Amino acid sequence: MCMQIIEKILLLFGMIFLSVPAFGQVVWTSNLQAAAGPVVQVAVPNSAGKNRVVFVVFEYARQCDPIFSFVEISGGALGKPRKQSVLYGSKIGVEINGRIHTGNAAQTQYDNGFEAGFGITNELFDLLTGKVDSLAYITPGGERIFLPTSGFKPAIASALEVCAKRFR
């Protein structure tokens, strides 16, 4: 997994957890000033004492080719990286409007949790930039985490605009 991405968004990660209201009020936001590239993010309800954030990262080093990523940790910052691996046969993915999409996934395990993600295919990208009525992240273990759709489309659009300006 791209450690640079995680390092660049750690500050955002902490800020999200300090400002997360009840799930019904959570909205996707974008950080268009991130050094590695625009980041679209949403905090999701904690589970068993673990903090969770979902990201769509448009990394400049990848020509803004987006990565869909999920972080689940204890505490407000990533711990020490312990292991990185490709998740062969993983159930990781995203469900949009009832349809599941998966990709080549990778995972970084930390001493206080994990981060898992996959590159977004062109087909999935088209769906993410279209009408999104329902959205869920599927963890490597197969758990469905339902995500809010509020603010998703404008956050993605603003990230795309930054990328388009940079790579014109």
N, C-alpha and C. Protein backbone atom coordinates (compact mmCIF):
# COMPACT_ATOMS: atom_id res chain seq x y z
N MET A 1 0.84 -1.17 0.00
CA MET A 1 0.00 0.00 0.00
C MET A 1 0.88 1.22 0.00
N CYS A 2 0.44 2.29 -0.52
CA CYS A 2 1.25 3.49 -0.64
C CYS A 2 1.38 4.19 0.70
N MET A 3 2.54 4.00 1.34
CA MET A 3 2.77 4.60 2.65
C MET A 3 2.75 6.12 2.57
N GLN A 4 3.17 6.69 1.44
CA GLN A 4 3.18 8.14 1.32
C GLN A 4 1.77 8.69 1.46
N ILE A 5 0.80 8.01 0.88
CA ILE A 5 -0.58 8.46 0.97
C ILE A 5 -1.00 8.51 2.43
N ILE A 6 -0.76 7.43 3.14
CA ILE A 6 -1.17 7.35 4.53
C ILE A 6 -0.49 8.43 5.36
N GLU A 7 0.80 8.63 5.15
CA GLU A 7 1.52 9.64 5.91
C GLU A 7 0.94 11.03 5.65
N LYS A 8 0.55 11.30 4.43
CA LYS A 8 0.03 12.62 4.08
C LYS A 8 -1.35 12.87 4.65
N ILE A 9 -2.11 11.80 4.91
CA ILE A 9 -3.47 12.00 5.38
C ILE A 9 -3.66 11.75 6.87
N LEU A 10 -2.58 11.44 7.57
CA LEU A 10 -2.69 11.23 9.02
C LEU A 10 -3.28 12.43 9.73
N LEU A 11 -2.86 13.61 9.37
CA LEU A 11 -3.38 14.81 10.00
C LEU A 11 -4.88 14.92 9.76
N LEU A 12 -5.30 14.64 8.54
CA LEU A 12 -6.73 14.68 8.24
C LEU A 12 -7.48 13.66 9.06
N PHE A 13 -6.89 12.49 9.20
CA PHE A 13 -7.49 11.39 9.94
C PHE A 13 -7.83 11.84 11.36
N GLY A 14 -6.88 12.45 12.03
CA GLY A 14 -7.10 12.92 13.40
C GLY A 14 -8.16 14.01 13.45
N MET A 15 -8.13 14.93 12.48
CA MET A 15 -9.11 16.01 12.47
C MET A 15 -10.52 15.49 12.26
N ILE A 16 -10.67 14.47 11.44
CA ILE A 16 -12.00 13.91 11.21
C ILE A 16 -12.57 13.34 12.50
N PHE A 17 -11.78 12.57 13.22
CA PHE A 17 -12.28 11.94 14.44
C PHE A 17 -12.64 12.95 15.51
N LEU A 18 -12.02 14.10 15.49
CA LEU A 18 -12.35 15.12 16.48
C LEU A 18 -13.63 15.85 16.13
N SER A 19 -14.09 15.72 14.90
CA SER A 19 -15.24 16.50 14.47
C SER A 19 -16.41 15.67 13.97
N VAL A 20 -16.43 14.36 14.22
CA VAL A 20 -17.48 13.51 13.67
C VAL A 20 -18.73 13.56 14.53
N PRO A 21 -19.86 14.01 13.97
CA PRO A 21 -21.12 13.95 14.68
C PRO A 21 -21.77 12.59 14.49
N ALA A 22 -23.02 12.47 14.82
CA ALA A 22 -23.75 11.22 14.64
C ALA A 22 -23.73 10.82 13.17
N PHE A 23 -23.81 9.50 12.88
CA PHE A 23 -23.67 8.98 11.52
C PHE A 23 -24.61 9.68 10.54
N GLY A 24 -25.83 9.94 10.93
CA GLY A 24 -26.79 10.56 10.03
C GLY A 24 -26.36 11.94 9.55
N GLN A 25 -25.42 12.57 10.24
CA GLN A 25 -24.97 13.91 9.89
C GLN A 25 -23.61 13.91 9.21
N VAL A 26 -23.01 12.76 9.05
CA VAL A 26 -21.67 12.68 8.46
C VAL A 26 -21.76 12.91 6.96
N VAL A 27 -20.83 13.72 6.46
CA VAL A 27 -20.82 14.10 5.06
C VAL A 27 -19.41 13.87 4.51
N TRP A 28 -19.33 13.44 3.26
CA TRP A 28 -18.04 13.32 2.58
C TRP A 28 -17.45 14.71 2.43
N THR A 29 -16.15 14.80 2.64
CA THR A 29 -15.46 16.07 2.48
C THR A 29 -14.23 15.83 1.60
N SER A 30 -13.64 16.92 1.15
CA SER A 30 -12.43 16.78 0.35
C SER A 30 -11.35 17.69 0.89
N ASN A 31 -10.12 17.21 0.81
CA ASN A 31 -8.95 18.02 1.11
C ASN A 31 -8.23 18.19 -0.22
N LEU A 32 -8.35 19.36 -0.79
CA LEU A 32 -7.78 19.61 -2.11
C LEU A 32 -6.35 20.13 -2.01
N GLN A 33 -5.86 20.33 -0.79
CA GLN A 33 -4.52 20.87 -0.57
C GLN A 33 -3.50 19.81 -0.17
N ALA A 34 -3.91 18.55 -0.07
CA ALA A 34 -2.99 17.49 0.36
C ALA A 34 -1.80 17.43 -0.59
N ALA A 35 -0.61 17.34 -0.05
CA ALA A 35 0.61 17.36 -0.87
C ALA A 35 0.67 16.22 -1.88
N ALA A 36 0.16 15.05 -1.52
CA ALA A 36 0.22 13.89 -2.40
C ALA A 36 -0.87 13.92 -3.47
N GLY A 37 -1.90 14.75 -3.28
CA GLY A 37 -3.02 14.83 -4.22
C GLY A 37 -4.32 14.93 -3.45
N PRO A 38 -5.40 15.29 -4.13
CA PRO A 38 -6.69 15.46 -3.46
C PRO A 38 -7.15 14.17 -2.77
N VAL A 39 -7.81 14.35 -1.63
CA VAL A 39 -8.33 13.24 -0.84
C VAL A 39 -9.79 13.52 -0.54
N VAL A 40 -10.65 12.56 -0.83
CA VAL A 40 -12.07 12.63 -0.48
C VAL A 40 -12.26 11.63 0.65
N GLN A 41 -12.96 12.03 1.71
CA GLN A 41 -12.98 11.19 2.91
C GLN A 41 -14.28 11.30 3.68
N VAL A 42 -14.54 10.26 4.46
CA VAL A 42 -15.66 10.28 5.39
C VAL A 42 -15.33 9.37 6.57
N ALA A 43 -15.63 9.84 7.75
CA ALA A 43 -15.49 9.00 8.94
C ALA A 43 -16.77 8.19 9.06
N VAL A 44 -16.64 6.96 9.47
CA VAL A 44 -17.81 6.09 9.64
C VAL A 44 -17.88 5.66 11.10
N PRO A 45 -19.03 5.14 11.51
CA PRO A 45 -19.17 4.78 12.93
C PRO A 45 -18.07 3.83 13.41
N ASN A 46 -17.60 4.11 14.61
CA ASN A 46 -16.58 3.26 15.22
C ASN A 46 -17.15 1.88 15.48
N SER A 47 -16.28 0.91 15.55
CA SER A 47 -16.70 -0.47 15.82
C SER A 47 -15.75 -1.07 16.84
N ALA A 48 -16.29 -1.54 17.93
CA ALA A 48 -15.50 -2.21 18.98
C ALA A 48 -14.28 -1.38 19.37
N GLY A 49 -14.48 -0.07 19.54
CA GLY A 49 -13.39 0.79 19.95
C GLY A 49 -12.41 1.16 18.87
N LYS A 50 -12.69 0.80 17.63
CA LYS A 50 -11.80 1.12 16.51
C LYS A 50 -12.37 2.30 15.73
N ASN A 51 -11.49 3.24 15.38
CA ASN A 51 -11.87 4.38 14.54
C ASN A 51 -11.78 3.95 13.08
N ARG A 52 -12.73 4.46 12.28
CA ARG A 52 -12.79 4.07 10.87
C ARG A 52 -12.95 5.29 9.98
N VAL A 53 -12.18 5.30 8.89
CA VAL A 53 -12.30 6.35 7.88
C VAL A 53 -12.18 5.70 6.51
N VAL A 54 -12.98 6.19 5.57
CA VAL A 54 -12.91 5.73 4.18
C VAL A 54 -12.37 6.90 3.35
N PHE A 55 -11.45 6.59 2.43
CA PHE A 55 -10.82 7.60 1.59
C PHE A 55 -10.92 7.21 0.12
N VAL A 56 -11.03 8.21 -0.73
CA VAL A 56 -10.74 8.05 -2.15
C VAL A 56 -9.59 9.02 -2.38
N VAL A 57 -8.43 8.47 -2.73
CA VAL A 57 -7.20 9.25 -2.86
C VAL A 57 -6.84 9.39 -4.33
N PHE A 58 -6.62 10.61 -4.76
CA PHE A 58 -6.22 10.91 -6.13
C PHE A 58 -4.75 11.34 -6.07
N GLU A 59 -3.86 10.38 -6.04
CA GLU A 59 -2.44 10.65 -5.83
C GLU A 59 -1.79 11.18 -7.10
N TYR A 60 -1.09 12.31 -6.98
CA TYR A 60 -0.41 12.90 -8.13
C TYR A 60 0.60 11.94 -8.74
N ALA A 61 1.29 11.19 -7.91
CA ALA A 61 2.30 10.25 -8.42
C ALA A 61 1.68 9.18 -9.32
N ARG A 62 0.40 8.96 -9.18
CA ARG A 62 -0.32 7.99 -10.01
C ARG A 62 -1.17 8.69 -11.07
N GLN A 63 -0.83 9.94 -11.39
CA GLN A 63 -1.59 10.72 -12.37
C GLN A 63 -3.06 10.84 -11.97
N CYS A 64 -3.32 10.90 -10.65
CA CYS A 64 -4.66 11.03 -10.08
C CYS A 64 -5.55 9.79 -10.32
N ASP A 65 -4.94 8.67 -10.64
CA ASP A 65 -5.67 7.42 -10.77
C ASP A 65 -6.13 7.05 -9.35
N PRO A 66 -7.44 7.05 -9.07
CA PRO A 66 -7.91 6.97 -7.68
C PRO A 66 -7.74 5.60 -7.02
N ILE A 67 -7.56 5.66 -5.71
CA ILE A 67 -7.49 4.48 -4.85
C ILE A 67 -8.60 4.59 -3.83
N PHE A 68 -9.37 3.54 -3.64
CA PHE A 68 -10.41 3.48 -2.62
C PHE A 68 -9.79 2.78 -1.42
N SER A 69 -9.81 3.42 -0.27
CA SER A 69 -9.08 2.90 0.88
C SER A 69 -9.89 3.00 2.16
N PHE A 70 -9.64 2.10 3.08
CA PHE A 70 -10.34 2.02 4.36
C PHE A 70 -9.31 1.86 5.46
N VAL A 71 -9.45 2.65 6.53
CA VAL A 71 -8.55 2.57 7.68
C VAL A 71 -9.37 2.25 8.91
N GLU A 72 -8.90 1.29 9.70
CA GLU A 72 -9.53 0.94 10.98
C GLU A 72 -8.42 0.78 12.01
N ILE A 73 -8.40 1.68 13.00
CA ILE A 73 -7.34 1.65 14.01
C ILE A 73 -7.88 1.97 15.40
N SER A 74 -7.13 1.59 16.40
CA SER A 74 -7.36 2.04 17.76
C SER A 74 -6.59 3.33 17.92
N GLY A 75 -7.21 4.34 18.50
CA GLY A 75 -6.54 5.62 18.68
C GLY A 75 -6.75 6.54 17.51
N GLY A 76 -6.07 7.68 17.53
CA GLY A 76 -6.28 8.70 16.51
C GLY A 76 -5.19 8.79 15.46
N ALA A 77 -4.21 7.88 15.49
CA ALA A 77 -3.13 7.92 14.50
C ALA A 77 -2.66 6.50 14.21
N LEU A 78 -2.10 6.32 13.03
CA LEU A 78 -1.59 5.01 12.67
C LEU A 78 -0.39 4.66 13.54
N GLY A 79 -0.30 3.40 13.92
CA GLY A 79 0.84 2.93 14.69
C GLY A 79 1.98 2.54 13.76
N LYS A 80 2.85 1.69 14.27
CA LYS A 80 3.99 1.22 13.47
C LYS A 80 3.51 0.21 12.44
N PRO A 81 3.97 0.35 11.18
CA PRO A 81 3.62 -0.65 10.18
C PRO A 81 4.27 -1.98 10.55
N ARG A 82 3.49 -3.06 10.42
CA ARG A 82 3.99 -4.39 10.75
C ARG A 82 4.16 -5.28 9.53
N LYS A 83 3.24 -5.13 8.56
CA LYS A 83 3.27 -6.04 7.42
C LYS A 83 2.44 -5.44 6.28
N GLN A 84 2.94 -5.61 5.07
CA GLN A 84 2.18 -5.23 3.89
C GLN A 84 1.98 -6.47 3.05
N SER A 85 0.79 -6.58 2.46
CA SER A 85 0.52 -7.77 1.66
C SER A 85 -0.53 -7.49 0.59
N VAL A 86 -0.47 -8.29 -0.46
CA VAL A 86 -1.51 -8.29 -1.48
C VAL A 86 -2.59 -9.24 -0.97
N LEU A 87 -3.83 -8.86 -1.15
CA LEU A 87 -4.95 -9.67 -0.64
C LEU A 87 -5.54 -10.50 -1.78
N TYR A 88 -4.94 -11.64 -2.02
CA TYR A 88 -5.45 -12.53 -3.06
C TYR A 88 -6.77 -13.14 -2.63
N GLY A 89 -7.76 -13.12 -3.51
CA GLY A 89 -9.05 -13.72 -3.20
C GLY A 89 -9.82 -13.01 -2.10
N SER A 90 -9.48 -11.75 -1.85
CA SER A 90 -10.13 -10.99 -0.79
C SER A 90 -11.55 -10.61 -1.18
N LYS A 91 -12.36 -10.37 -0.18
CA LYS A 91 -13.72 -9.90 -0.40
C LYS A 91 -13.79 -8.38 -0.42
N ILE A 92 -12.64 -7.72 -0.29
CA ILE A 92 -12.61 -6.26 -0.23
C ILE A 92 -13.26 -5.67 -1.48
N GLY A 93 -13.99 -4.59 -1.29
CA GLY A 93 -14.62 -3.94 -2.42
C GLY A 93 -15.53 -2.82 -2.00
N VAL A 94 -16.30 -2.37 -2.94
CA VAL A 94 -17.28 -1.33 -2.69
C VAL A 94 -18.59 -1.77 -3.35
N GLU A 95 -19.68 -1.48 -2.69
CA GLU A 95 -21.00 -1.79 -3.24
C GLU A 95 -21.69 -0.47 -3.57
N ILE A 96 -22.03 -0.31 -4.84
CA ILE A 96 -22.70 0.91 -5.30
C ILE A 96 -24.05 0.53 -5.87
N ASN A 97 -25.08 1.15 -5.34
CA ASN A 97 -26.45 0.90 -5.81
C ASN A 97 -26.75 -0.59 -5.88
N GLY A 98 -26.27 -1.34 -4.87
CA GLY A 98 -26.56 -2.77 -4.77
C GLY A 98 -25.64 -3.68 -5.56
N ARG A 99 -24.68 -3.14 -6.29
CA ARG A 99 -23.78 -3.94 -7.11
C ARG A 99 -22.36 -3.90 -6.54
N ILE A 100 -21.76 -5.07 -6.35
CA ILE A 100 -20.44 -5.18 -5.73
C ILE A 100 -19.34 -5.08 -6.79
N HIS A 101 -18.30 -4.31 -6.44
CA HIS A 101 -17.12 -4.15 -7.30
C HIS A 101 -15.89 -4.42 -6.45
N THR A 102 -14.98 -5.20 -6.98
CA THR A 102 -13.74 -5.50 -6.27
C THR A 102 -12.57 -5.15 -7.18
N GLY A 103 -11.40 -5.13 -6.60
CA GLY A 103 -10.21 -4.83 -7.38
C GLY A 103 -9.00 -5.51 -6.76
N ASN A 104 -7.85 -5.33 -7.38
CA ASN A 104 -6.62 -5.85 -6.81
C ASN A 104 -6.36 -5.09 -5.51
N ALA A 105 -6.42 -5.80 -4.41
CA ALA A 105 -6.35 -5.17 -3.10
C ALA A 105 -5.02 -5.41 -2.42
N ALA A 106 -4.67 -4.46 -1.57
CA ALA A 106 -3.47 -4.59 -0.74
C ALA A 106 -3.83 -4.12 0.66
N GLN A 107 -3.04 -4.57 1.62
CA GLN A 107 -3.32 -4.22 3.01
C GLN A 107 -2.01 -3.92 3.74
N THR A 108 -2.05 -2.93 4.61
CA THR A 108 -0.95 -2.67 5.52
C THR A 108 -1.49 -2.90 6.93
N GLN A 109 -0.83 -3.75 7.67
CA GLN A 109 -1.20 -3.98 9.07
C GLN A 109 -0.29 -3.14 9.94
N TYR A 110 -0.91 -2.49 10.93
CA TYR A 110 -0.19 -1.68 11.90
C TYR A 110 -0.35 -2.33 13.27
N ASP A 111 0.44 -1.87 14.22
CA ASP A 111 0.30 -2.46 15.55
C ASP A 111 -1.02 -2.07 16.21
N ASN A 112 -1.77 -1.13 15.63
CA ASN A 112 -3.07 -0.74 16.19
C ASN A 112 -4.21 -0.84 15.18
N GLY A 113 -4.04 -1.56 14.09
CA GLY A 113 -5.13 -1.71 13.14
C GLY A 113 -4.62 -2.01 11.74
N PHE A 114 -5.40 -1.59 10.74
CA PHE A 114 -5.01 -1.87 9.35
C PHE A 114 -5.55 -0.82 8.41
N GLU A 115 -4.98 -0.80 7.22
CA GLU A 115 -5.46 0.00 6.10
C GLU A 115 -5.51 -0.93 4.90
N ALA A 116 -6.62 -0.92 4.18
CA ALA A 116 -6.75 -1.77 3.00
C ALA A 116 -7.36 -0.94 1.87
N GLY A 117 -6.93 -1.23 0.66
CA GLY A 117 -7.46 -0.46 -0.45
C GLY A 117 -7.22 -1.13 -1.78
N PHE A 118 -7.79 -0.54 -2.80
CA PHE A 118 -7.65 -1.08 -4.16
C PHE A 118 -7.81 0.05 -5.16
N GLY A 119 -7.19 -0.13 -6.32
CA GLY A 119 -7.33 0.84 -7.40
C GLY A 119 -8.74 0.80 -7.97
N ILE A 120 -9.22 1.94 -8.36
CA ILE A 120 -10.57 2.05 -8.91
C ILE A 120 -10.52 1.85 -10.42
N THR A 121 -11.29 0.88 -10.91
CA THR A 121 -11.34 0.60 -12.35
C THR A 121 -12.12 1.72 -13.07
N ASN A 122 -12.00 1.77 -14.39
CA ASN A 122 -12.75 2.75 -15.17
C ASN A 122 -14.25 2.56 -15.00
N GLU A 123 -14.69 1.32 -14.99
CA GLU A 123 -16.12 1.04 -14.81
C GLU A 123 -16.61 1.55 -13.45
N LEU A 124 -15.85 1.27 -12.41
CA LEU A 124 -16.22 1.72 -11.08
C LEU A 124 -16.17 3.24 -11.00
N PHE A 125 -15.18 3.84 -11.62
CA PHE A 125 -15.07 5.29 -11.63
C PHE A 125 -16.30 5.93 -12.26
N ASP A 126 -16.76 5.36 -13.38
CA ASP A 126 -17.98 5.87 -14.03
C ASP A 126 -19.17 5.81 -13.09
N LEU A 127 -19.29 4.73 -12.32
CA LEU A 127 -20.39 4.60 -11.37
C LEU A 127 -20.26 5.60 -10.22
N LEU A 128 -19.03 5.79 -9.73
CA LEU A 128 -18.82 6.71 -8.62
C LEU A 128 -19.11 8.15 -9.00
N THR A 129 -18.94 8.50 -10.27
CA THR A 129 -19.19 9.86 -10.71
C THR A 129 -20.61 10.04 -11.24
N GLY A 130 -21.39 8.96 -11.21
CA GLY A 130 -22.80 9.02 -11.62
C GLY A 130 -23.71 9.18 -10.42
N LYS A 131 -24.91 8.69 -10.56
CA LYS A 131 -25.91 8.77 -9.48
C LYS A 131 -25.64 7.66 -8.46
N VAL A 132 -25.27 8.04 -7.26
CA VAL A 132 -24.98 7.08 -6.20
C VAL A 132 -26.09 7.16 -5.16
N ASP A 133 -26.96 6.14 -5.16
CA ASP A 133 -28.07 6.10 -4.20
C ASP A 133 -27.67 5.38 -2.92
N SER A 134 -26.82 4.36 -3.05
CA SER A 134 -26.35 3.63 -1.87
C SER A 134 -24.89 3.26 -2.08
N LEU A 135 -24.16 3.25 -0.96
CA LEU A 135 -22.72 3.03 -1.03
C LEU A 135 -22.29 2.28 0.23
N ALA A 136 -21.50 1.24 0.03
CA ALA A 136 -20.97 0.48 1.17
C ALA A 136 -19.56 0.03 0.84
N TYR A 137 -18.73 -0.04 1.88
CA TYR A 137 -17.38 -0.56 1.76
C TYR A 137 -17.41 -1.98 2.29
N ILE A 138 -16.75 -2.89 1.61
CA ILE A 138 -16.67 -4.28 2.07
C ILE A 138 -15.24 -4.53 2.53
N THR A 139 -15.08 -4.81 3.82
CA THR A 139 -13.75 -4.99 4.42
C THR A 139 -13.13 -6.29 3.93
N PRO A 140 -11.83 -6.47 4.18
CA PRO A 140 -11.18 -7.73 3.79
C PRO A 140 -11.85 -8.96 4.42
N GLY A 141 -12.48 -8.77 5.57
CA GLY A 141 -13.18 -9.87 6.22
C GLY A 141 -14.60 -10.08 5.71
N GLY A 142 -15.06 -9.22 4.78
CA GLY A 142 -16.39 -9.37 4.21
C GLY A 142 -17.47 -8.53 4.88
N GLU A 143 -17.14 -7.77 5.91
CA GLU A 143 -18.14 -6.91 6.57
C GLU A 143 -18.53 -5.76 5.67
N ARG A 144 -19.83 -5.50 5.56
CA ARG A 144 -20.34 -4.35 4.80
C ARG A 144 -20.48 -3.17 5.74
N ILE A 145 -19.82 -2.08 5.39
CA ILE A 145 -19.93 -0.86 6.16
C ILE A 145 -20.64 0.16 5.28
N PHE A 146 -21.86 0.46 5.66
CA PHE A 146 -22.65 1.38 4.85
C PHE A 146 -22.14 2.80 5.04
N LEU A 147 -21.98 3.50 3.92
CA LEU A 147 -21.42 4.83 3.90
C LEU A 147 -22.49 5.84 3.53
N PRO A 148 -22.38 7.04 4.06
CA PRO A 148 -23.33 8.07 3.65
C PRO A 148 -23.05 8.48 2.20
N THR A 149 -24.06 8.96 1.53
CA THR A 149 -23.88 9.47 0.16
C THR A 149 -23.88 10.99 0.15
N SER A 150 -24.25 11.59 1.26
CA SER A 150 -24.30 13.04 1.36
C SER A 150 -22.91 13.64 1.14
N GLY A 151 -22.82 14.55 0.18
CA GLY A 151 -21.57 15.23 -0.11
C GLY A 151 -20.61 14.44 -0.99
N PHE A 152 -20.95 13.19 -1.31
CA PHE A 152 -20.02 12.35 -2.07
C PHE A 152 -19.75 12.91 -3.47
N LYS A 153 -20.80 13.18 -4.22
CA LYS A 153 -20.61 13.63 -5.61
C LYS A 153 -19.86 14.97 -5.68
N PRO A 154 -20.22 15.98 -4.89
CA PRO A 154 -19.45 17.23 -4.98
C PRO A 154 -18.00 17.08 -4.52
N ALA A 155 -17.74 16.22 -3.53
CA ALA A 155 -16.37 16.01 -3.07
C ALA A 155 -15.53 15.37 -4.18
N ILE A 156 -16.08 14.36 -4.84
CA ILE A 156 -15.38 13.70 -5.95
C ILE A 156 -15.16 14.70 -7.09
N ALA A 157 -16.19 15.48 -7.41
CA ALA A 157 -16.08 16.46 -8.50
C ALA A 157 -14.99 17.49 -8.21
N SER A 158 -14.88 17.94 -6.96
CA SER A 158 -13.86 18.94 -6.65
C SER A 158 -12.46 18.34 -6.76
N ALA A 159 -12.29 17.08 -6.36
CA ALA A 159 -10.99 16.41 -6.49
C ALA A 159 -10.63 16.25 -7.97
N LEU A 160 -11.60 15.87 -8.77
CA LEU A 160 -11.35 15.71 -10.21
C LEU A 160 -10.97 17.03 -10.86
N GLU A 161 -11.58 18.11 -10.41
CA GLU A 161 -11.26 19.43 -10.96
C GLU A 161 -9.80 19.80 -10.67
N VAL A 162 -9.35 19.52 -9.46
CA VAL A 162 -7.95 19.79 -9.10
C VAL A 162 -7.01 18.98 -9.98
N CYS A 163 -7.35 17.70 -10.17
CA CYS A 163 -6.51 16.84 -11.01
C CYS A 163 -6.49 17.29 -12.45
N ALA A 164 -7.66 17.68 -12.97
CA ALA A 164 -7.72 18.14 -14.36
C ALA A 164 -6.86 19.37 -14.58
N LYS A 165 -6.88 20.29 -13.62
CA LYS A 165 -6.06 21.49 -13.74
C LYS A 165 -4.56 21.15 -13.69
N ARG A 166 -4.21 20.21 -12.86
CA ARG A 166 -2.80 19.86 -12.70
C ARG A 166 -2.24 19.16 -13.93
N PHE A 167 -3.05 18.32 -14.58
CA PHE A 167 -2.54 17.49 -15.68
C PHE A 167 -3.02 17.95 -17.05
N ARG A 168 -3.42 19.18 -17.20
CA ARG A 168 -3.83 19.71 -18.51
C ARG A 168 -2.66 19.82 -19.43
